[in-house]
Amino acid sequence: MIKILHTADWHLGKRLQEFSRIEEQKLVLEEIIEVADQENVDLVLLAGDIFDTFNPNHEAVELLYKTLRRLSKNGERPIIAISGNHDSTQFVEAPDPLARELGILFYSRYDSIIPIGKLDSGIEITKSASGFVELKLPKIEFPVRIILAPYANENLLKTYLGEGDREAEFREILQENWLELADNYCDDNGVNLFIGHFFFMKEGESSVAIGTEAEPESERPILHVGGTQALFTKNIPSQIQYAALGHLHRYHSVGHEHCPVVYSSSPLAYSFSEADQEKKVVILKAAPNQEVEYHPVGLKQGRPLYRKKFDNLPETLAWLEENPYCFVEITYVTEHSIDAATRKAIMKAHDGIVNLIPQINNPAGTEDLSLQVEDLGKDMSSLFQLFYKSEKGQEPNEELMEIFREVISQNKEV
């Protein structure tokens, strides 16, 4: 029996508007290390979106390397990490030759092949191919086979997998490749796993039904044609015993035909669409030719995110005082724009207010702020002012107008 920890979507270096999350990320990654040690796991799967940007800052990079060194127990516990849609394929694979000596395998390009050989820790890479690796761990009697499916769009995959001019469907390209790997390497004498960073759903099921409308805005573009199509659970080969997925930020198990297809969730709530979600990692036990046992483990570190609505200042300030350690988006119901004194009192009361949004309750007979046909002849600045006022219930300040005018001027020069 092998014990595995599945995690994903660390998004190291991510900010919540002007708020850094790096200190929370340090805390929650420490918690993940503690879970791995307490559960005595043999292998870690990190299913993409390691960083939040293609060019992560120094602090995020340092946090990753320090965390993975400790998570790997200085090379005793192998880690398989693939890239996601937020990661640079070149940046993720760059440290692989050094990291491999600690049993940390980075994989981001479908044309990459992990070198075969035995590491100083005793971990052995026994078989390897494009999109595949087989490991032999010193204390585990059987091999562990892993199909590697980092994020890539249609054009990249056709280049990597040699499709050339053939007009194949995206799902077909992937399914054929994965099936060939499974047929060549995944028999009943070892544990057969899949790690991927895509949007999977059961064929015929609505994406709305599984809650993708509640996922972060930054993740939605790859769910559809033009970014990357949704994939079906049936595209995963039947030999696979567990599919460890990243991309969607909430924990859930997709309806599966023959094996668990599981999103572990991100370790922190990264947008207000994730408010009230409990973040998790997944622990699984696997053995050859047996069903995998798995269960989520909740993570407690990090500031929770809340969306709150108030219509008076005393209730607002009381709630903020009772909930000091959080990020909050406040909708403030008012007959007019939020006056300066009220805004100042609210913002001064808490260090985690991300948005303060006025909800204007227009009494009968007040001005209709919606755009009219005759407004279309106005200049861009005037139209923006009308739009902003209709959306926010107040005039944009001069700083915002200056930014808008600068954007317009740049577009005219292009």
Protein backbone atom coordinates (compact mmCIF):
# COMPACT_ATOMS: atom_id res chain seq x y z
CA MET A 1 0.00 0.00 0.00
CA ILE A 2 1.26 3.48 -0.88
CA LYS A 3 0.01 6.66 0.78
CA ILE A 4 -0.20 9.82 -1.34
CA LEU A 5 -0.99 13.51 -0.72
CA HIS A 6 -2.74 15.36 -3.56
CA THR A 7 -2.68 19.16 -3.64
CA ALA A 8 -2.95 21.84 -6.33
CA ASP A 9 -3.37 25.51 -7.22
CA TRP A 10 -0.93 27.05 -4.76
CA HIS A 11 -0.79 30.27 -6.84
CA LEU A 12 2.33 31.43 -5.02
CA GLY A 13 2.76 35.19 -5.19
CA LYS A 14 -0.94 35.85 -5.76
CA ARG A 15 -2.43 39.07 -4.42
CA LEU A 16 -6.01 39.97 -3.55
CA GLN A 17 -6.02 43.35 -5.26
CA GLU A 18 -3.49 45.39 -3.22
CA PHE A 19 -3.23 42.76 -0.45
CA SER A 20 -0.28 40.34 -0.44
CA ARG A 21 -1.10 36.74 0.51
CA ILE A 22 2.49 35.54 0.89
CA GLU A 23 2.44 35.32 4.69
CA GLU A 24 -0.78 33.30 4.58
CA GLN A 25 0.77 31.07 1.92
CA LYS A 26 3.75 30.42 4.19
CA LEU A 27 1.37 29.38 6.98
CA VAL A 28 -0.81 27.10 4.87
CA LEU A 29 2.15 25.41 3.17
CA GLU A 30 3.58 24.76 6.62
CA GLU A 31 0.23 23.17 7.45
CA ILE A 32 0.42 20.97 4.33
CA ILE A 33 3.90 19.80 5.36
CA GLU A 34 2.51 18.92 8.80
CA VAL A 35 -0.35 16.94 7.24
CA ALA A 36 2.08 15.03 5.01
CA ASP A 37 4.26 14.17 8.01
CA GLN A 38 1.37 13.25 10.30
CA GLU A 39 -0.17 11.05 7.62
CA ASN A 40 3.28 9.60 6.80
CA VAL A 41 2.68 9.91 3.05
CA ASP A 42 5.07 8.31 0.57
CA LEU A 43 4.43 10.55 -2.45
CA VAL A 44 3.11 14.07 -3.14
CA LEU A 45 1.23 15.16 -6.28
CA LEU A 46 1.09 18.91 -7.03
CA ALA A 47 -1.39 19.37 -9.88
CA GLY A 48 -0.49 22.71 -11.43
CA ASP A 49 -0.80 26.48 -10.98
CA ILE A 50 2.24 26.40 -8.74
CA PHE A 51 2.74 30.13 -9.26
CA ASP A 52 0.19 32.81 -10.02
CA THR A 53 2.08 34.43 -12.89
CA PHE A 54 4.52 33.47 -15.63
CA ASN A 55 7.17 35.63 -13.91
CA PRO A 56 6.80 35.03 -10.16
CA ASN A 57 8.60 37.30 -7.75
CA HIS A 58 11.66 36.22 -5.77
CA GLU A 59 9.70 35.68 -2.55
CA ALA A 60 7.27 33.28 -4.25
CA VAL A 61 10.09 31.29 -5.87
CA GLU A 62 12.00 31.05 -2.59
CA LEU A 63 8.86 29.89 -0.78
CA LEU A 64 8.31 27.13 -3.34
CA TYR A 65 11.81 25.72 -3.14
CA LYS A 66 11.99 25.84 0.67
CA THR A 67 8.56 24.20 0.94
CA LEU A 68 9.31 21.42 -1.54
CA ARG A 69 12.64 20.62 0.10
CA ARG A 70 10.89 20.11 3.44
CA LEU A 71 7.88 18.37 1.87
CA SER A 72 10.26 15.94 0.16
CA LYS A 73 12.00 15.25 3.50
CA ASN A 74 15.29 16.15 1.82
CA GLY A 75 14.74 13.63 -0.95
CA GLU A 76 13.09 10.70 0.86
CA ARG A 77 9.56 11.54 -0.31
CA PRO A 78 9.17 12.10 -4.08
CA ILE A 79 7.08 15.00 -5.39
CA ILE A 80 5.55 15.20 -8.86
CA ALA A 81 4.71 18.79 -9.85
CA ILE A 82 3.13 19.77 -13.17
CA SER A 83 2.44 23.21 -14.60
CA GLY A 84 -0.97 24.86 -14.88
CA ASN A 85 -2.37 27.62 -17.05
CA HIS A 86 -0.85 30.27 -14.74
CA ASP A 87 2.65 28.77 -14.96
CA SER A 88 5.45 29.34 -17.45
CA THR A 89 6.45 25.97 -18.92
CA GLN A 90 10.08 27.07 -19.20
CA PHE A 91 10.23 28.53 -15.68
CA VAL A 92 8.66 25.48 -14.03
CA GLU A 93 11.02 22.98 -15.65
CA ALA A 94 14.16 25.12 -15.24
CA PRO A 95 15.20 23.74 -11.80
CA ASP A 96 14.37 20.13 -12.68
CA PRO A 97 17.96 18.76 -12.96
CA LEU A 98 18.81 20.00 -9.45
CA ALA A 99 15.39 19.32 -7.94
CA ARG A 100 15.44 15.75 -9.27
CA GLU A 101 18.27 14.91 -6.87
CA LEU A 102 15.76 15.61 -4.06
CA GLY A 103 13.14 13.44 -5.74
CA ILE A 104 11.21 16.52 -6.97
CA LEU A 105 10.12 16.07 -10.58
CA PHE A 106 8.86 19.15 -12.44
CA TYR A 107 6.98 18.52 -15.68
CA SER A 108 5.47 21.11 -17.99
CA ARG A 109 6.16 20.25 -21.64
CA TYR A 110 4.67 17.28 -23.45
CA ASP A 111 7.87 16.80 -25.44
CA SER A 112 9.97 16.47 -22.25
CA ILE A 113 11.19 13.07 -21.10
CA ILE A 114 12.35 12.64 -17.50
CA PRO A 115 15.76 10.88 -17.42
CA ILE A 116 15.81 7.30 -16.14
CA GLY A 117 18.09 6.46 -13.23
CA LYS A 118 18.51 5.92 -9.51
CA LEU A 119 18.75 8.91 -7.17
CA ASP A 120 20.93 9.15 -4.06
CA SER A 121 17.82 8.76 -1.89
CA GLY A 122 17.15 5.34 -3.40
CA ILE A 123 14.17 6.52 -5.45
CA GLU A 124 14.47 5.13 -8.95
CA ILE A 125 12.96 6.42 -12.18
CA THR A 126 12.54 3.10 -13.94
CA LYS A 127 10.58 4.05 -17.07
CA SER A 128 9.90 7.34 -18.80
CA ALA A 129 8.24 8.68 -21.92
CA SER A 130 6.70 11.90 -23.13
CA GLY A 131 3.87 12.50 -20.63
CA PHE A 132 4.73 9.53 -18.43
CA VAL A 133 7.01 8.45 -15.58
CA GLU A 134 7.35 5.25 -13.52
CA LEU A 135 8.89 5.36 -10.05
CA LYS A 136 10.19 2.67 -7.73
CA LEU A 137 10.32 3.77 -4.08
CA PRO A 138 12.69 2.02 -1.66
CA LYS A 139 9.98 0.97 0.83
CA ILE A 140 7.24 0.20 -1.72
CA GLU A 141 7.27 -3.23 -3.34
CA PHE A 142 5.46 -2.24 -6.55
CA PRO A 143 6.10 0.48 -9.16
CA VAL A 144 4.07 3.70 -9.32
CA ARG A 145 3.10 4.82 -12.83
CA ILE A 146 1.92 8.38 -13.47
CA ILE A 147 0.48 9.86 -16.64
CA LEU A 148 1.51 13.53 -16.67
CA ALA A 149 -0.96 16.04 -18.13
CA PRO A 150 0.19 19.63 -17.55
CA TYR A 151 -1.94 22.39 -19.01
CA ALA A 152 -1.49 23.15 -22.71
CA ASN A 153 -3.79 24.72 -25.27
CA GLU A 154 -4.73 23.08 -28.56
CA ASN A 155 -1.88 24.57 -30.60
CA LEU A 156 0.81 23.56 -28.12
CA LEU A 157 -0.51 20.03 -27.84
CA LYS A 158 -0.63 19.54 -31.59
CA THR A 159 2.98 20.71 -31.77
CA TYR A 160 4.14 18.51 -28.89
CA LEU A 161 2.22 15.41 -29.96
CA GLY A 162 3.03 15.70 -33.64
CA GLU A 163 -0.46 16.22 -35.00
CA GLY A 164 0.72 18.53 -37.78
CA ASP A 165 -2.10 19.28 -40.20
CA ARG A 166 -4.52 16.65 -38.94
CA GLU A 167 -7.77 18.29 -37.83
CA ALA A 168 -8.29 16.23 -34.70
CA GLU A 169 -10.50 17.25 -31.82
CA PHE A 170 -8.66 18.37 -28.73
CA ARG A 171 -10.19 15.62 -26.58
CA GLU A 172 -9.27 13.01 -29.18
CA ILE A 173 -5.61 14.10 -29.24
CA LEU A 174 -5.33 13.80 -25.48
CA GLN A 175 -7.35 10.62 -25.14
CA GLU A 176 -5.31 8.82 -27.81
CA ASN A 177 -2.04 9.88 -26.22
CA TRP A 178 -3.11 8.87 -22.70
CA LEU A 179 -4.50 5.54 -23.91
CA GLU A 180 -1.27 4.71 -25.71
CA LEU A 181 0.74 5.44 -22.56
CA ALA A 182 -1.62 3.39 -20.40
CA ASP A 183 -1.55 0.43 -22.80
CA ASN A 184 2.26 0.50 -22.93
CA TYR A 185 3.03 1.01 -19.25
CA CYS A 186 0.04 0.57 -16.92
CA ASP A 187 -0.68 -3.06 -16.07
CA ASP A 188 -2.12 -4.55 -12.87
CA ASN A 189 1.29 -5.08 -11.26
CA GLY A 190 1.68 -1.45 -10.20
CA VAL A 191 -0.30 1.58 -9.04
CA ASN A 192 -1.52 3.65 -12.00
CA LEU A 193 -2.18 7.34 -11.47
CA PHE A 194 -3.05 10.42 -13.54
CA ILE A 195 -2.12 14.02 -12.68
CA GLY A 196 -3.60 16.82 -14.78
CA HIS A 197 -4.50 20.50 -14.90
CA PHE A 198 -7.65 20.80 -17.00
CA PHE A 199 -11.38 21.18 -16.57
CA PHE A 200 -12.96 17.71 -16.46
CA MET A 201 -16.64 16.91 -16.36
CA LYS A 202 -18.79 13.87 -16.98
CA GLU A 203 -20.06 13.79 -20.56
CA GLY A 204 -23.60 15.12 -20.78
CA GLU A 205 -23.38 16.97 -17.47
CA SER A 206 -23.83 20.74 -17.42
CA SER A 207 -20.78 22.67 -16.21
CA VAL A 208 -23.20 24.82 -14.19
CA ALA A 209 -24.41 21.71 -12.40
CA ILE A 210 -20.97 21.15 -10.86
CA GLY A 211 -20.58 24.75 -9.84
CA THR A 212 -18.03 26.19 -12.28
CA GLU A 213 -19.95 29.44 -12.28
CA ALA A 214 -18.61 29.92 -8.75
CA GLU A 215 -14.97 29.49 -9.76
CA PRO A 216 -12.49 32.36 -9.89
CA GLU A 217 -12.81 34.65 -12.90
CA SER A 218 -9.15 34.05 -13.77
CA GLU A 219 -9.85 30.34 -14.29
CA ARG A 220 -12.89 30.54 -16.53
CA PRO A 221 -11.29 31.22 -19.93
CA ILE A 222 -9.68 27.77 -20.18
CA LEU A 223 -13.01 26.00 -19.70
CA HIS A 224 -14.17 26.70 -23.21
CA VAL A 225 -13.12 26.51 -26.84
CA GLY A 226 -10.71 29.37 -27.55
CA GLY A 227 -8.81 28.62 -24.37
CA THR A 228 -9.13 24.88 -23.87
CA GLN A 229 -12.19 22.69 -24.23
CA ALA A 230 -13.71 20.90 -21.28
CA LEU A 231 -12.52 17.30 -21.13
CA PHE A 232 -14.63 14.28 -20.21
CA THR A 233 -13.85 11.79 -17.47
CA LYS A 234 -14.22 9.03 -20.07
CA ASN A 235 -11.08 10.41 -21.78
CA ILE A 236 -9.01 9.08 -18.84
CA PRO A 237 -7.80 5.50 -19.56
CA SER A 238 -9.53 2.64 -17.75
CA GLN A 239 -6.22 1.46 -16.25
CA ILE A 240 -6.00 4.59 -14.09
CA GLN A 241 -6.93 4.13 -10.41
CA TYR A 242 -7.01 7.81 -9.36
CA ALA A 243 -6.92 11.11 -11.29
CA ALA A 244 -5.39 13.98 -9.27
CA LEU A 245 -6.59 17.25 -10.77
CA GLY A 246 -5.87 20.93 -10.42
CA HIS A 247 -7.54 24.04 -11.84
CA LEU A 248 -10.89 24.36 -10.06
CA HIS A 249 -10.38 25.87 -6.62
CA ARG A 250 -12.98 23.96 -4.63
CA TYR A 251 -12.68 20.36 -3.49
CA HIS A 252 -14.95 17.96 -5.33
CA SER A 253 -14.98 14.57 -6.97
CA VAL A 254 -16.21 14.56 -10.54
CA GLY A 255 -18.63 11.75 -11.35
CA HIS A 256 -16.38 8.92 -12.48
CA GLU A 257 -16.79 5.99 -14.83
CA HIS A 258 -14.02 3.78 -13.46
CA CYS A 259 -11.86 5.73 -10.99
CA PRO A 260 -12.04 8.78 -8.68
CA VAL A 261 -11.46 12.03 -10.61
CA VAL A 262 -10.76 14.57 -7.88
CA TYR A 263 -10.02 18.29 -7.54
CA SER A 264 -8.15 18.84 -4.27
CA SER A 265 -8.94 22.61 -4.12
CA SER A 266 -6.55 25.53 -3.66
CA PRO A 267 -5.01 25.89 -0.19
CA LEU A 268 -6.41 29.42 0.27
CA ALA A 269 -9.52 31.27 -0.93
CA TYR A 270 -8.17 33.49 -3.69
CA SER A 271 -11.31 35.35 -4.81
CA PHE A 272 -14.67 36.27 -3.32
CA SER A 273 -16.32 33.64 -5.53
CA GLU A 274 -14.58 31.18 -3.17
CA ALA A 275 -15.99 32.78 0.00
CA ASP A 276 -17.13 30.19 2.57
CA GLN A 277 -15.30 27.30 0.83
CA GLU A 278 -13.29 24.99 3.09
CA LYS A 279 -9.89 24.40 1.53
CA LYS A 280 -8.39 20.91 1.55
CA VAL A 281 -5.74 18.45 0.51
CA VAL A 282 -6.54 14.83 -0.34
CA ILE A 283 -4.95 11.75 1.23
CA LEU A 284 -5.23 8.50 -0.71
CA LYS A 285 -4.15 4.91 -0.21
CA ALA A 286 -3.43 2.82 -3.29
CA ALA A 287 -2.30 -0.69 -4.14
CA PRO A 288 -2.06 -2.53 -7.47
CA ASN A 289 -5.35 -3.70 -8.98
CA GLN A 290 -7.44 -2.34 -6.09
CA GLU A 291 -9.84 0.56 -5.67
CA VAL A 292 -8.17 3.63 -4.19
CA GLU A 293 -9.30 4.85 -0.78
CA TYR A 294 -9.25 8.64 -0.43
CA HIS A 295 -10.46 11.37 1.92
CA PRO A 296 -10.04 15.15 2.13
CA VAL A 297 -8.24 16.86 5.00
CA GLY A 298 -9.38 20.40 5.78
CA LEU A 299 -6.88 23.27 5.96
CA LYS A 300 -7.34 25.94 8.63
CA GLN A 301 -4.66 28.53 7.92
CA GLY A 302 -5.20 31.80 6.05
CA ARG A 303 -7.74 34.59 6.20
CA PRO A 304 -11.30 33.59 5.27
CA LEU A 305 -13.08 35.69 2.64
CA TYR A 306 -16.56 37.09 3.27
CA ARG A 307 -19.16 39.01 1.30
CA LYS A 308 -21.33 41.10 3.62
CA LYS A 309 -24.19 43.57 3.13
CA PHE A 310 -25.07 46.34 5.61
CA ASP A 311 -27.43 49.30 5.61
CA ASN A 312 -26.17 51.19 8.66
CA LEU A 313 -22.84 52.15 10.16
CA PRO A 314 -23.20 50.69 13.70
CA GLU A 315 -23.91 47.15 12.43
CA THR A 316 -21.05 47.44 9.95
CA LEU A 317 -18.55 48.49 12.59
CA ALA A 318 -19.77 45.85 15.06
CA TRP A 319 -19.31 43.03 12.54
CA LEU A 320 -15.86 44.28 11.55
CA GLU A 321 -14.79 44.38 15.19
CA GLU A 322 -16.04 40.81 15.74
CA ASN A 323 -14.20 39.50 12.63
CA PRO A 324 -10.72 41.04 12.62
CA TYR A 325 -8.88 38.26 10.74
CA CYS A 326 -10.50 38.10 7.33
CA PHE A 327 -10.83 39.80 3.98
CA VAL A 328 -14.24 41.26 3.29
CA GLU A 329 -16.18 42.76 0.42
CA ILE A 330 -18.85 45.07 1.82
CA THR A 331 -21.95 46.14 -0.01
CA TYR A 332 -23.35 49.21 1.73
CA VAL A 333 -27.00 49.97 1.06
CA THR A 334 -27.70 53.69 0.94
CA GLU A 335 -30.09 56.20 -0.61
CA HIS A 336 -27.16 58.16 -2.01
CA SER A 337 -23.42 57.66 -2.45
CA ILE A 338 -21.46 56.72 0.68
CA ASP A 339 -20.47 59.97 2.36
CA ALA A 340 -16.82 60.61 3.18
CA ALA A 341 -17.25 60.30 6.96
CA THR A 342 -18.99 56.92 6.69
CA ARG A 343 -16.45 55.60 4.22
CA LYS A 344 -13.56 56.75 6.42
CA ALA A 345 -15.09 55.16 9.55
CA ILE A 346 -15.57 51.82 7.78
CA MET A 347 -12.13 51.71 6.17
CA LYS A 348 -10.42 52.72 9.42
CA ALA A 349 -12.17 49.98 11.39
CA HIS A 350 -10.56 47.00 9.61
CA ASP A 351 -7.34 46.21 7.74
CA GLY A 352 -8.90 43.63 5.40
CA ILE A 353 -11.59 45.57 3.52
CA VAL A 354 -10.98 44.77 -0.13
CA ASN A 355 -14.06 46.41 -1.66
CA LEU A 356 -16.63 48.86 -0.32
CA ILE A 357 -19.47 48.95 -2.81
CA PRO A 358 -22.44 51.32 -2.56
CA GLN A 359 -25.85 49.89 -3.42
CA ILE A 360 -28.03 52.88 -4.24
CA ASN A 361 -31.71 52.50 -3.44
CA ASN A 362 -33.20 55.13 -5.72
CA PRO A 363 -36.46 56.48 -4.32
CA ALA A 364 -39.31 57.23 -6.70
CA GLY A 365 -38.69 60.22 -8.91
CA THR A 366 -34.89 60.19 -8.70
CA GLU A 367 -32.69 60.51 -11.73
CA ASP A 368 -32.50 57.55 -14.10
CA LEU A 369 -28.79 56.86 -14.41
CA SER A 370 -29.03 54.29 -17.22
CA LEU A 371 -27.50 55.16 -20.56
CA GLN A 372 -29.86 56.50 -23.23
CA VAL A 373 -29.64 56.36 -27.03
CA GLU A 374 -28.85 60.09 -27.20
CA ASP A 375 -25.86 59.54 -24.92
CA LEU A 376 -24.05 57.58 -27.64
CA GLY A 377 -22.97 60.79 -29.34
CA LYS A 378 -20.99 61.91 -26.29
CA ASP A 379 -17.22 61.63 -25.97
CA MET A 380 -15.60 58.59 -24.33
CA SER A 381 -14.84 60.34 -21.05
CA SER A 382 -18.46 61.46 -20.63
CA LEU A 383 -19.73 57.97 -21.46
CA PHE A 384 -17.35 56.46 -18.90
CA GLN A 385 -18.56 58.90 -16.26
CA LEU A 386 -22.19 57.99 -17.00
CA PHE A 387 -21.41 54.28 -16.90
CA TYR A 388 -19.45 54.53 -13.65
CA LYS A 389 -22.21 56.55 -12.00
CA SER A 390 -24.87 54.07 -13.12
CA GLU A 391 -22.82 51.15 -11.74
CA LYS A 392 -21.35 52.66 -8.56
CA GLY A 393 -23.86 55.37 -7.67
CA GLN A 394 -21.19 58.06 -7.56
CA GLU A 395 -18.92 60.06 -9.86
CA PRO A 396 -15.46 58.62 -10.63
CA ASN A 397 -12.68 60.55 -8.92
CA GLU A 398 -10.14 62.55 -10.90
CA GLU A 399 -7.39 59.96 -10.45
CA LEU A 400 -9.53 57.31 -12.08
CA MET A 401 -10.48 59.69 -14.89
CA GLU A 402 -6.81 60.44 -15.53
CA ILE A 403 -6.09 56.71 -15.85
CA PHE A 404 -9.04 56.30 -18.22
CA ARG A 405 -7.88 59.20 -20.39
CA GLU A 406 -4.36 57.75 -20.49
CA VAL A 407 -5.70 54.37 -21.67
CA ILE A 408 -7.73 56.08 -24.39
CA SER A 409 -4.73 58.06 -25.60
CA GLN A 410 -2.58 54.92 -25.77
CA ASN A 411 -5.20 53.11 -27.82
CA LYS A 412 -5.32 55.99 -30.28
CA GLU A 413 -1.54 55.83 -30.75
CA VAL A 414 -1.50 52.10 -31.53
